[in-house]
Amino acid sequence: MIKCVIFDFGDTLVITKRKTMGEHVLEYARFLKKHGYRFNKSDIVAAHKVTEEKWRVFGEETKQTSKQLWEKTFIAALGVKPTKKLCSSMEKDYFNFRLKNDKLVPNALQILNKLKQAGLRLCVVTNTKTNANYILAKKFGLFKYFDYFLMSHKEGTPKSELKIFYALLRKLNKNKKNKIKPNECLMVGNSLNEDTVASQIGMKTAILTKQSYVDKKKKYFEPNYYIDDLKEILIIVDKFTEV
């Protein structure tokens, strides 16, 4: 049976708003002007392109554990020294944008309530670079549902390395007589590259098709389930309860 449901955060429980290139340019131009730097549109677009190219090359562990890596890379691409003050200010702007624009996935609270009432243990395992997901979870009142909320930049390892899943199991089972086994866990997310790796330690996996993405150049695994709505988690859990 399923005893624990583990959720990814961004685009699984909370919809992350994506900016258009035009919005990025306006935002960066405003930000840089505030700090005394003036760049035209083409300079900003070029720096953004360089940053995205370098970002694809960085390993997942580097992305998750290097503080303000995106900000440092982008500012350096403009030929400006990426000082701590400048990077921190840019990161704060990112926080504020997400707090203003990110929204809960439809049915998220309803599903979390039903799963909690059914006696399942609920957790979050999310790849992060900042505390933005933690702050958003607090804003939406989600912490009352979760036993543990693990963020990769705090744990020092991304989901793809599996260490974070082992860490979660240790936390769940500490001082517990009846241990939760990996095959009694369901990992729900939207990344075929990151969320489905949980299957390598025996966990069942479900991918939300509407927000799913995959980098076919990287290793990934087929999930046990593709779902269109979080409500389908209840069907999966009921299926294993009946067995």
C-alpha atoms as a PDB file:
ATOM      1  CA  MET A   1       0.000   0.000   0.000  1.00  0.00           C
ATOM      2  CA  ILE A   2       0.974   3.669  -0.259  1.00  0.00           C
ATOM      3  CA  LYS A   3       1.872   5.166   3.127  1.00  0.00           C
ATOM      4  CA  CYS A   4       3.697   8.311   2.022  1.00  0.00           C
ATOM      5  CA  VAL A   5       3.176  10.757  -0.857  1.00  0.00           C
ATOM      6  CA  ILE A   6       6.159  12.936  -1.745  1.00  0.00           C
ATOM      7  CA  PHE A   7       5.565  16.070  -3.804  1.00  0.00           C
ATOM      8  CA  ASP A   8       7.797  18.208  -5.936  1.00  0.00           C
ATOM      9  CA  PHE A   9       6.933  21.886  -5.393  1.00  0.00           C
ATOM     10  CA  GLY A  10       7.255  24.165  -8.436  1.00  0.00           C
ATOM     11  CA  ASP A  11       4.660  23.342 -11.125  1.00  0.00           C
ATOM     12  CA  THR A  12       3.411  20.435  -9.016  1.00  0.00           C
ATOM     13  CA  LEU A  13       1.812  22.179  -6.033  1.00  0.00           C
ATOM     14  CA  VAL A  14       2.464  25.770  -7.089  1.00  0.00           C
ATOM     15  CA  ILE A  15       2.366  27.122 -10.646  1.00  0.00           C
ATOM     16  CA  THR A  16       5.536  29.095 -11.337  1.00  0.00           C
ATOM     17  CA  LYS A  17       4.965  32.059 -13.632  1.00  0.00           C
ATOM     18  CA  ARG A  18       7.402  32.181 -16.539  1.00  0.00           C
ATOM     19  CA  LYS A  19       8.509  35.535 -17.924  1.00  0.00           C
ATOM     20  CA  THR A  20       8.680  36.345 -21.622  1.00  0.00           C
ATOM     21  CA  MET A  21      11.971  37.648 -22.995  1.00  0.00           C
ATOM     22  CA  GLY A  22      10.395  41.104 -23.210  1.00  0.00           C
ATOM     23  CA  GLU A  23       9.514  40.956 -19.513  1.00  0.00           C
ATOM     24  CA  HIS A  24      13.030  39.776 -18.682  1.00  0.00           C
ATOM     25  CA  VAL A  25      14.595  42.681 -20.604  1.00  0.00           C
ATOM     26  CA  LEU A  26      12.379  45.281 -18.909  1.00  0.00           C
ATOM     27  CA  GLU A  27      13.030  43.776 -15.487  1.00  0.00           C
ATOM     28  CA  TYR A  28      16.798  43.575 -15.932  1.00  0.00           C
ATOM     29  CA  ALA A  29      16.996  47.078 -17.453  1.00  0.00           C
ATOM     30  CA  ARG A  30      15.066  48.505 -14.473  1.00  0.00           C
ATOM     31  CA  PHE A  31      17.175  46.546 -11.997  1.00  0.00           C
ATOM     32  CA  LEU A  32      20.497  47.583 -13.545  1.00  0.00           C
ATOM     33  CA  LYS A  33      19.458  51.234 -13.857  1.00  0.00           C
ATOM     34  CA  LYS A  34      18.571  51.246 -10.142  1.00  0.00           C
ATOM     35  CA  HIS A  35      22.157  50.191  -9.424  1.00  0.00           C
ATOM     36  CA  GLY A  36      23.713  52.759 -11.767  1.00  0.00           C
ATOM     37  CA  TYR A  37      24.246  50.591 -14.866  1.00  0.00           C
ATOM     38  CA  ARG A  38      22.726  51.307 -18.263  1.00  0.00           C
ATOM     39  CA  PHE A  39      22.558  48.646 -20.968  1.00  0.00           C
ATOM     40  CA  ASN A  40      20.537  48.577 -24.145  1.00  0.00           C
ATOM     41  CA  LYS A  41      18.120  45.793 -25.037  1.00  0.00           C
ATOM     42  CA  SER A  42      20.580  43.894 -27.254  1.00  0.00           C
ATOM     43  CA  ASP A  43      23.214  43.786 -24.460  1.00  0.00           C
ATOM     44  CA  ILE A  44      20.715  42.341 -22.002  1.00  0.00           C
ATOM     45  CA  VAL A  45      19.374  39.781 -24.489  1.00  0.00           C
ATOM     46  CA  ALA A  46      22.937  38.675 -25.311  1.00  0.00           C
ATOM     47  CA  ALA A  47      23.853  38.339 -21.611  1.00  0.00           C
ATOM     48  CA  HIS A  48      20.682  36.347 -20.970  1.00  0.00           C
ATOM     49  CA  LYS A  49      21.522  34.006 -23.862  1.00  0.00           C
ATOM     50  CA  VAL A  50      25.064  33.457 -22.557  1.00  0.00           C
ATOM     51  CA  THR A  51      23.703  32.748 -19.066  1.00  0.00           C
ATOM     52  CA  GLU A  52      21.202  30.183 -20.378  1.00  0.00           C
ATOM     53  CA  GLU A  53      23.926  28.444 -22.400  1.00  0.00           C
ATOM     54  CA  LYS A  54      26.217  28.227 -19.367  1.00  0.00           C
ATOM     55  CA  TRP A  55      23.302  27.118 -17.187  1.00  0.00           C
ATOM     56  CA  ARG A  56      22.733  24.079 -19.422  1.00  0.00           C
ATOM     57  CA  VAL A  57      26.378  23.076 -18.950  1.00  0.00           C
ATOM     58  CA  PHE A  58      26.429  23.418 -15.160  1.00  0.00           C
ATOM     59  CA  GLY A  59      25.878  20.124 -13.327  1.00  0.00           C
ATOM     60  CA  GLU A  60      22.709  19.771 -11.234  1.00  0.00           C
ATOM     61  CA  GLU A  61      24.675  19.683  -7.987  1.00  0.00           C
ATOM     62  CA  THR A  62      26.445  22.933  -8.910  1.00  0.00           C
ATOM     63  CA  LYS A  63      23.116  24.594  -9.743  1.00  0.00           C
ATOM     64  CA  GLN A  64      21.532  23.589  -6.462  1.00  0.00           C
ATOM     65  CA  THR A  65      24.427  24.259  -4.101  1.00  0.00           C
ATOM     66  CA  SER A  66      26.130  27.377  -5.553  1.00  0.00           C
ATOM     67  CA  LYS A  67      24.506  30.459  -4.048  1.00  0.00           C
ATOM     68  CA  GLN A  68      23.185  33.049  -6.520  1.00  0.00           C
ATOM     69  CA  LEU A  69      24.805  31.228  -9.451  1.00  0.00           C
ATOM     70  CA  TRP A  70      22.322  32.512 -12.026  1.00  0.00           C
ATOM     71  CA  GLU A  71      22.715  36.094 -10.821  1.00  0.00           C
ATOM     72  CA  LYS A  72      26.529  35.899 -10.769  1.00  0.00           C
ATOM     73  CA  THR A  73      26.636  34.392 -14.265  1.00  0.00           C
ATOM     74  CA  PHE A  74      24.251  36.939 -15.771  1.00  0.00           C
ATOM     75  CA  ILE A  75      25.925  39.986 -14.196  1.00  0.00           C
ATOM     76  CA  ALA A  76      29.379  38.742 -15.247  1.00  0.00           C
ATOM     77  CA  ALA A  77      28.088  38.213 -18.810  1.00  0.00           C
ATOM     78  CA  LEU A  78      27.355  41.946 -18.904  1.00  0.00           C
ATOM     79  CA  GLY A  79      30.955  42.688 -17.993  1.00  0.00           C
ATOM     80  CA  VAL A  80      30.027  43.853 -14.497  1.00  0.00           C
ATOM     81  CA  LYS A  81      31.646  42.540 -11.316  1.00  0.00           C
ATOM     82  CA  PRO A  82      29.033  40.319  -9.587  1.00  0.00           C
ATOM     83  CA  THR A  83      29.314  41.725  -6.060  1.00  0.00           C
ATOM     84  CA  LYS A  84      27.454  40.169  -3.149  1.00  0.00           C
ATOM     85  CA  LYS A  85      25.254  43.267  -2.826  1.00  0.00           C
ATOM     86  CA  LEU A  86      24.311  43.245  -6.501  1.00  0.00           C
ATOM     87  CA  CYS A  87      23.579  39.499  -6.594  1.00  0.00           C
ATOM     88  CA  SER A  88      21.573  39.612  -3.364  1.00  0.00           C
ATOM     89  CA  SER A  89      19.474  42.472  -4.678  1.00  0.00           C
ATOM     90  CA  MET A  90      18.780  40.632  -7.921  1.00  0.00           C
ATOM     91  CA  GLU A  91      17.834  37.491  -5.988  1.00  0.00           C
ATOM     92  CA  LYS A  92      15.456  39.560  -3.832  1.00  0.00           C
ATOM     93  CA  ASP A  93      13.731  40.837  -6.972  1.00  0.00           C
ATOM     94  CA  TYR A  94      13.240  37.205  -8.037  1.00  0.00           C
ATOM     95  CA  PHE A  95      11.730  36.385  -4.605  1.00  0.00           C
ATOM     96  CA  ASN A  96       9.307  39.300  -4.838  1.00  0.00           C
ATOM     97  CA  PHE A  97       8.217  38.361  -8.368  1.00  0.00           C
ATOM     98  CA  ARG A  98       7.428  34.789  -7.344  1.00  0.00           C
ATOM     99  CA  LEU A  99       5.602  35.846  -4.177  1.00  0.00           C
ATOM    100  CA  LYS A 100       3.417  38.158  -6.254  1.00  0.00           C
ATOM    101  CA  ASN A 101       2.745  35.898  -9.234  1.00  0.00           C
ATOM    102  CA  ASP A 102       2.960  32.197  -8.281  1.00  0.00           C
ATOM    103  CA  LYS A 103      -0.372  30.478  -7.581  1.00  0.00           C
ATOM    104  CA  LEU A 104      -1.494  27.186  -6.092  1.00  0.00           C
ATOM    105  CA  VAL A 105      -2.248  24.396  -8.563  1.00  0.00           C
ATOM    106  CA  PRO A 106      -6.036  23.828  -8.824  1.00  0.00           C
ATOM    107  CA  ASN A 107      -7.276  21.248  -6.273  1.00  0.00           C
ATOM    108  CA  ALA A 108      -3.948  21.284  -4.356  1.00  0.00           C
ATOM    109  CA  LEU A 109      -5.426  22.089  -0.929  1.00  0.00           C
ATOM    110  CA  GLN A 110      -8.371  19.739  -1.466  1.00  0.00           C
ATOM    111  CA  ILE A 111      -6.075  16.828  -2.333  1.00  0.00           C
ATOM    112  CA  LEU A 112      -3.637  17.520   0.491  1.00  0.00           C
ATOM    113  CA  ASN A 113      -6.543  17.603   2.947  1.00  0.00           C
ATOM    114  CA  LYS A 114      -7.941  14.287   1.738  1.00  0.00           C
ATOM    115  CA  LEU A 115      -4.561  12.569   1.780  1.00  0.00           C
ATOM    116  CA  LYS A 116      -3.810  13.871   5.273  1.00  0.00           C
ATOM    117  CA  GLN A 117      -7.250  12.787   6.544  1.00  0.00           C
ATOM    118  CA  ALA A 118      -6.608   9.315   5.090  1.00  0.00           C
ATOM    119  CA  GLY A 119      -3.608   9.020   7.392  1.00  0.00           C
ATOM    120  CA  LEU A 120      -0.865   9.278   4.769  1.00  0.00           C
ATOM    121  CA  ARG A 121       2.413  10.972   5.556  1.00  0.00           C
ATOM    122  CA  LEU A 122       3.066  13.855   3.166  1.00  0.00           C
ATOM    123  CA  CYS A 123       6.428  15.419   2.295  1.00  0.00           C
ATOM    124  CA  VAL A 124       8.065  17.750  -0.206  1.00  0.00           C
ATOM    125  CA  VAL A 125      11.377  17.116  -1.969  1.00  0.00           C
ATOM    126  CA  THR A 126      12.283  20.019  -4.239  1.00  0.00           C
ATOM    127  CA  ASN A 127      15.284  21.215  -6.208  1.00  0.00           C
ATOM    128  CA  THR A 128      16.045  24.746  -5.092  1.00  0.00           C
ATOM    129  CA  LYS A 129      18.612  27.514  -5.320  1.00  0.00           C
ATOM    130  CA  THR A 130      16.971  29.825  -2.779  1.00  0.00           C
ATOM    131  CA  ASN A 131      14.349  29.793  -0.019  1.00  0.00           C
ATOM    132  CA  ALA A 132      11.617  30.955  -2.442  1.00  0.00           C
ATOM    133  CA  ASN A 133       9.721  27.644  -2.298  1.00  0.00           C
ATOM    134  CA  TYR A 134       9.810  27.657   1.503  1.00  0.00           C
ATOM    135  CA  ILE A 135       8.466  31.219   1.629  1.00  0.00           C
ATOM    136  CA  LEU A 136       5.696  30.385  -0.862  1.00  0.00           C
ATOM    137  CA  ALA A 137       4.712  27.261   1.083  1.00  0.00           C
ATOM    138  CA  LYS A 138       4.403  29.428   4.189  1.00  0.00           C
ATOM    139  CA  LYS A 139       2.369  32.024   2.286  1.00  0.00           C
ATOM    140  CA  PHE A 140      -0.122  29.406   1.086  1.00  0.00           C
ATOM    141  CA  GLY A 141      -0.360  27.700   4.502  1.00  0.00           C
ATOM    142  CA  LEU A 142       1.021  24.374   3.298  1.00  0.00           C
ATOM    143  CA  PHE A 143       3.309  23.392   6.178  1.00  0.00           C
ATOM    144  CA  LYS A 144       0.484  21.950   8.267  1.00  0.00           C
ATOM    145  CA  TYR A 145       0.217  19.128   5.719  1.00  0.00           C
ATOM    146  CA  PHE A 146       3.865  18.072   5.553  1.00  0.00           C
ATOM    147  CA  ASP A 147       6.036  15.981   7.834  1.00  0.00           C
ATOM    148  CA  TYR A 148       9.168  17.190   6.047  1.00  0.00           C
ATOM    149  CA  PHE A 149       9.977  19.877   3.458  1.00  0.00           C
ATOM    150  CA  LEU A 150      13.394  19.084   1.965  1.00  0.00           C
ATOM    151  CA  MET A 151      15.120  21.609  -0.312  1.00  0.00           C
ATOM    152  CA  SER A 152      18.169  20.592  -2.316  1.00  0.00           C
ATOM    153  CA  HIS A 153      20.233  23.698  -1.561  1.00  0.00           C
ATOM    154  CA  LYS A 154      19.793  23.040   2.167  1.00  0.00           C
ATOM    155  CA  GLU A 155      20.481  19.313   1.855  1.00  0.00           C
ATOM    156  CA  GLY A 156      23.504  19.944  -0.407  1.00  0.00           C
ATOM    157  CA  THR A 157      22.359  17.531  -3.118  1.00  0.00           C
ATOM    158  CA  PRO A 158      19.859  17.551  -6.025  1.00  0.00           C
ATOM    159  CA  LYS A 159      17.129  14.960  -6.498  1.00  0.00           C
ATOM    160  CA  SER A 160      19.034  13.315  -9.345  1.00  0.00           C
ATOM    161  CA  GLU A 161      21.722  12.173  -6.885  1.00  0.00           C
ATOM    162  CA  LEU A 162      19.145  10.194  -4.813  1.00  0.00           C
ATOM    163  CA  LYS A 163      20.803  11.179  -1.519  1.00  0.00           C
ATOM    164  CA  ILE A 164      17.903  13.494  -0.711  1.00  0.00           C
ATOM    165  CA  PHE A 165      15.421  10.610  -0.992  1.00  0.00           C
ATOM    166  CA  TYR A 166      17.507   8.458   1.344  1.00  0.00           C
ATOM    167  CA  ALA A 167      17.674  11.400   3.751  1.00  0.00           C
ATOM    168  CA  LEU A 168      13.894  11.695   3.677  1.00  0.00           C
ATOM    169  CA  LEU A 169      13.414   7.996   4.437  1.00  0.00           C
ATOM    170  CA  ARG A 170      15.784   8.276   7.406  1.00  0.00           C
ATOM    171  CA  LYS A 171      13.778  11.211   8.758  1.00  0.00           C
ATOM    172  CA  LEU A 172      10.442   9.460   8.217  1.00  0.00           C
ATOM    173  CA  ASN A 173      11.609   6.283   9.947  1.00  0.00           C
ATOM    174  CA  LYS A 174      13.632   7.703  12.813  1.00  0.00           C
ATOM    175  CA  ASN A 175      12.512   6.113  16.096  1.00  0.00           C
ATOM    176  CA  LYS A 176       9.561   4.473  14.319  1.00  0.00           C
ATOM    177  CA  LYS A 177       8.747   0.808  14.890  1.00  0.00           C
ATOM    178  CA  ASN A 178       6.872   0.409  11.603  1.00  0.00           C
ATOM    179  CA  LYS A 179       9.282   1.635   8.940  1.00  0.00           C
ATOM    180  CA  ILE A 180       8.069   3.079   5.650  1.00  0.00           C
ATOM    181  CA  LYS A 181       9.633   1.205   2.755  1.00  0.00           C
ATOM    182  CA  PRO A 182      10.529   2.847  -0.570  1.00  0.00           C
ATOM    183  CA  ASN A 183       7.835   0.844  -2.409  1.00  0.00           C
ATOM    184  CA  GLU A 184       5.263   2.344  -0.026  1.00  0.00           C
ATOM    185  CA  CYS A 185       6.092   5.851  -1.274  1.00  0.00           C
ATOM    186  CA  LEU A 186       4.672   7.716  -4.274  1.00  0.00           C
ATOM    187  CA  MET A 187       6.742  10.571  -5.750  1.00  0.00           C
ATOM    188  CA  VAL A 188       4.614  13.141  -7.619  1.00  0.00           C
ATOM    189  CA  GLY A 189       6.295  15.747  -9.814  1.00  0.00           C
ATOM    190  CA  ASN A 190       6.665  17.199 -13.288  1.00  0.00           C
ATOM    191  CA  SER A 191      10.266  16.421 -14.256  1.00  0.00           C
ATOM    192  CA  LEU A 192      11.083  13.144 -15.977  1.00  0.00           C
ATOM    193  CA  ASN A 193      14.779  13.791 -15.354  1.00  0.00           C
ATOM    194  CA  GLU A 194      14.525  14.542 -11.636  1.00  0.00           C
ATOM    195  CA  ASP A 195      11.316  13.180 -10.124  1.00  0.00           C
ATOM    196  CA  THR A 196      11.355   9.739 -11.745  1.00  0.00           C
ATOM    197  CA  VAL A 197      14.814   8.913 -10.358  1.00  0.00           C
ATOM    198  CA  ALA A 198      13.011   8.004  -7.127  1.00  0.00           C
ATOM    199  CA  SER A 199      12.049   4.770  -8.901  1.00  0.00           C
ATOM    200  CA  GLN A 200      15.704   3.702  -8.665  1.00  0.00           C
ATOM    201  CA  ILE A 201      15.327   3.120  -4.934  1.00  0.00           C
ATOM    202  CA  GLY A 202      11.936   1.444  -5.358  1.00  0.00           C
ATOM    203  CA  MET A 203       9.522   4.361  -5.058  1.00  0.00           C
ATOM    204  CA  LYS A 204       6.505   4.632  -7.342  1.00  0.00           C
ATOM    205  CA  THR A 205       6.408   7.766  -9.486  1.00  0.00           C
ATOM    206  CA  ALA A 206       3.679   9.895 -11.078  1.00  0.00           C
ATOM    207  CA  ILE A 207       4.248  12.756 -13.526  1.00  0.00           C
ATOM    208  CA  LEU A 208       1.822  15.634 -14.117  1.00  0.00           C
ATOM    209  CA  THR A 209       1.501  15.806 -17.895  1.00  0.00           C
ATOM    210  CA  LYS A 210       0.329  19.442 -18.116  1.00  0.00           C
ATOM    211  CA  GLN A 211       3.506  20.793 -16.535  1.00  0.00           C
ATOM    212  CA  SER A 212       5.885  17.962 -17.476  1.00  0.00           C
ATOM    213  CA  TYR A 213       9.275  18.515 -19.048  1.00  0.00           C
ATOM    214  CA  VAL A 214      12.246  16.387 -19.994  1.00  0.00           C
ATOM    215  CA  ASP A 215      15.782  17.006 -21.212  1.00  0.00           C
ATOM    216  CA  LYS A 216      16.263  14.100 -23.602  1.00  0.00           C
ATOM    217  CA  LYS A 217      20.014  14.611 -23.530  1.00  0.00           C
ATOM    218  CA  LYS A 218      20.008  13.535 -19.885  1.00  0.00           C
ATOM    219  CA  LYS A 219      19.091  10.247 -18.249  1.00  0.00           C
ATOM    220  CA  TYR A 220      15.459   9.788 -17.307  1.00  0.00           C
ATOM    221  CA  PHE A 221      13.073   6.982 -16.394  1.00  0.00           C
ATOM    222  CA  GLU A 222       9.506   6.211 -17.366  1.00  0.00           C
ATOM    223  CA  PRO A 223       7.093   6.933 -14.489  1.00  0.00           C
ATOM    224  CA  ASN A 224       4.584   4.412 -13.194  1.00  0.00           C
ATOM    225  CA  TYR A 225       1.820   6.911 -13.911  1.00  0.00           C
ATOM    226  CA  TYR A 226       1.113   9.959 -16.048  1.00  0.00           C
ATOM    227  CA  ILE A 227      -1.617  12.078 -14.453  1.00  0.00           C
ATOM    228  CA  ASP A 228      -3.522  15.128 -15.688  1.00  0.00           C
ATOM    229  CA  ASP A 229      -4.731  16.317 -12.289  1.00  0.00           C
ATOM    230  CA  LEU A 230      -3.641  15.955  -8.659  1.00  0.00           C
ATOM    231  CA  LYS A 231      -7.034  14.321  -7.975  1.00  0.00           C
ATOM    232  CA  GLU A 232      -5.719  11.197  -9.704  1.00  0.00           C
ATOM    233  CA  ILE A 233      -3.364  10.641  -6.752  1.00  0.00           C
ATOM    234  CA  LEU A 234      -6.415   9.570  -4.749  1.00  0.00           C
ATOM    235  CA  ILE A 235      -7.175   6.883  -7.333  1.00  0.00           C
ATOM    236  CA  ILE A 236      -3.591   5.591  -7.205  1.00  0.00           C
ATOM    237  CA  VAL A 237      -3.582   5.502  -3.400  1.00  0.00           C
ATOM    238  CA  ASP A 238      -6.983   3.741  -3.311  1.00  0.00           C
ATOM    239  CA  LYS A 239      -5.754   1.148  -5.800  1.00  0.00           C
ATOM    240  CA  PHE A 240      -2.902   0.106  -3.529  1.00  0.00           C
ATOM    241  CA  THR A 241      -5.058   0.248  -0.400  1.00  0.00           C
ATOM    242  CA  GLU A 242      -7.421  -2.291  -1.945  1.00  0.00           C
ATOM    243  CA  VAL A 243      -4.629  -4.737  -2.843  1.00  0.00           C
END
